[in-house]
Amino acid sequence: MAQTVKIISVEHITHDVLRIVPEKPKGLKFIAGQAVDISLPKQGWEQELRAFTFTSLPEQDCIKFTVKTLRCLFFKFT
């Protein structure tokens, strides 16, 4: 089921690792280690799905992803 959520925060953990915190969709259920497919709402990227693993616990009020980036790609989207 596709859902659109807003990004609450993006934090640099190191020079090439980000913590991304999006809104937690109502009713979202997942188990530790599970991944979700994510795409960006930018022209040409809507169908480009990438899998991200949750780094938050299912019982937490927010969801988090910790992502190693390629610096050149990250800045292309910000």
Protein backbone atom coordinates (compact mmCIF):
# COMPACT_ATOMS: atom_id res chain seq x y z
CA MET A 1 0.00 0.00 0.00
CA ALA A 2 1.58 3.30 -1.11
CA GLN A 3 1.59 6.22 1.30
CA THR A 4 3.09 9.68 1.17
CA VAL A 5 4.80 10.93 4.33
CA LYS A 6 6.75 14.04 5.23
CA ILE A 7 10.34 13.98 6.39
CA ILE A 8 10.51 15.31 9.95
CA SER A 9 14.30 15.50 10.19
CA VAL A 10 17.56 14.56 8.50
CA GLU A 11 20.62 14.45 10.73
CA HIS A 12 24.24 13.83 9.78
CA ILE A 13 25.61 11.09 12.03
CA THR A 14 28.96 11.18 10.21
CA HIS A 15 30.10 12.76 6.94
CA ASP A 16 28.45 9.97 4.95
CA VAL A 17 25.76 8.55 7.27
CA LEU A 18 22.33 10.13 7.72
CA ARG A 19 19.51 9.49 10.15
CA ILE A 20 16.23 10.15 8.37
CA VAL A 21 13.05 10.47 10.45
CA PRO A 22 9.81 10.53 8.45
CA GLU A 23 6.28 10.65 9.83
CA LYS A 24 5.04 7.28 11.02
CA PRO A 25 1.97 6.38 8.99
CA LYS A 26 -1.05 5.56 11.11
CA GLY A 27 -1.45 1.81 11.46
CA LEU A 28 2.07 0.99 10.24
CA LYS A 29 3.22 -2.37 11.59
CA PHE A 30 6.66 -3.84 11.05
CA ILE A 31 9.11 -6.16 12.72
CA ALA A 32 12.75 -5.47 13.55
CA GLY A 33 14.96 -5.92 10.49
CA GLN A 34 12.12 -5.45 8.04
CA ALA A 35 12.63 -3.14 5.06
CA VAL A 36 10.30 -0.86 3.15
CA ASP A 37 10.46 0.36 -0.45
CA ILE A 38 10.78 4.14 -0.73
CA SER A 39 10.70 6.48 -3.71
CA LEU A 40 11.12 10.23 -3.98
CA PRO A 41 8.32 12.55 -5.13
CA LYS A 42 10.59 14.20 -7.71
CA GLN A 43 10.02 14.10 -11.43
CA GLY A 44 11.61 10.99 -12.86
CA TRP A 45 12.14 9.35 -9.45
CA GLU A 46 8.58 8.39 -8.50
CA GLN A 47 9.00 4.82 -9.80
CA GLU A 48 12.61 4.40 -8.61
CA LEU A 49 12.06 2.28 -5.49
CA ARG A 50 14.87 1.63 -3.02
CA ALA A 51 14.69 -0.65 0.03
CA PHE A 52 15.48 0.85 3.44
CA THR A 53 15.62 -1.04 6.73
CA PHE A 54 13.91 0.43 9.78
CA THR A 55 16.38 1.38 12.52
CA SER A 56 13.64 2.25 14.99
CA LEU A 57 11.68 -0.20 17.10
CA PRO A 58 8.10 -1.05 16.11
CA GLU A 59 6.72 0.26 19.42
CA GLN A 60 8.34 3.69 19.06
CA ASP A 61 6.20 6.70 18.07
CA CYS A 62 8.45 7.51 15.11
CA ILE A 63 10.24 5.61 12.39
CA LYS A 64 13.92 6.04 11.58
CA PHE A 65 16.28 5.01 8.83
CA THR A 66 20.07 5.20 9.10
CA VAL A 67 21.58 5.43 5.64
CA LYS A 68 25.12 5.48 4.29
CA THR A 69 25.16 7.97 1.44
CA LEU A 70 27.15 8.85 -1.58
CA ARG A 71 27.77 12.53 -0.90
CA CYS A 72 27.26 13.56 -4.51
CA LEU A 73 23.82 11.87 -4.66
CA PHE A 74 22.58 13.30 -1.34
CA PHE A 75 23.24 16.89 -2.35
CA LYS A 76 21.50 16.33 -5.67
CA PHE A 77 18.19 15.86 -3.82
CA THR A 78 18.44 18.56 -1.13
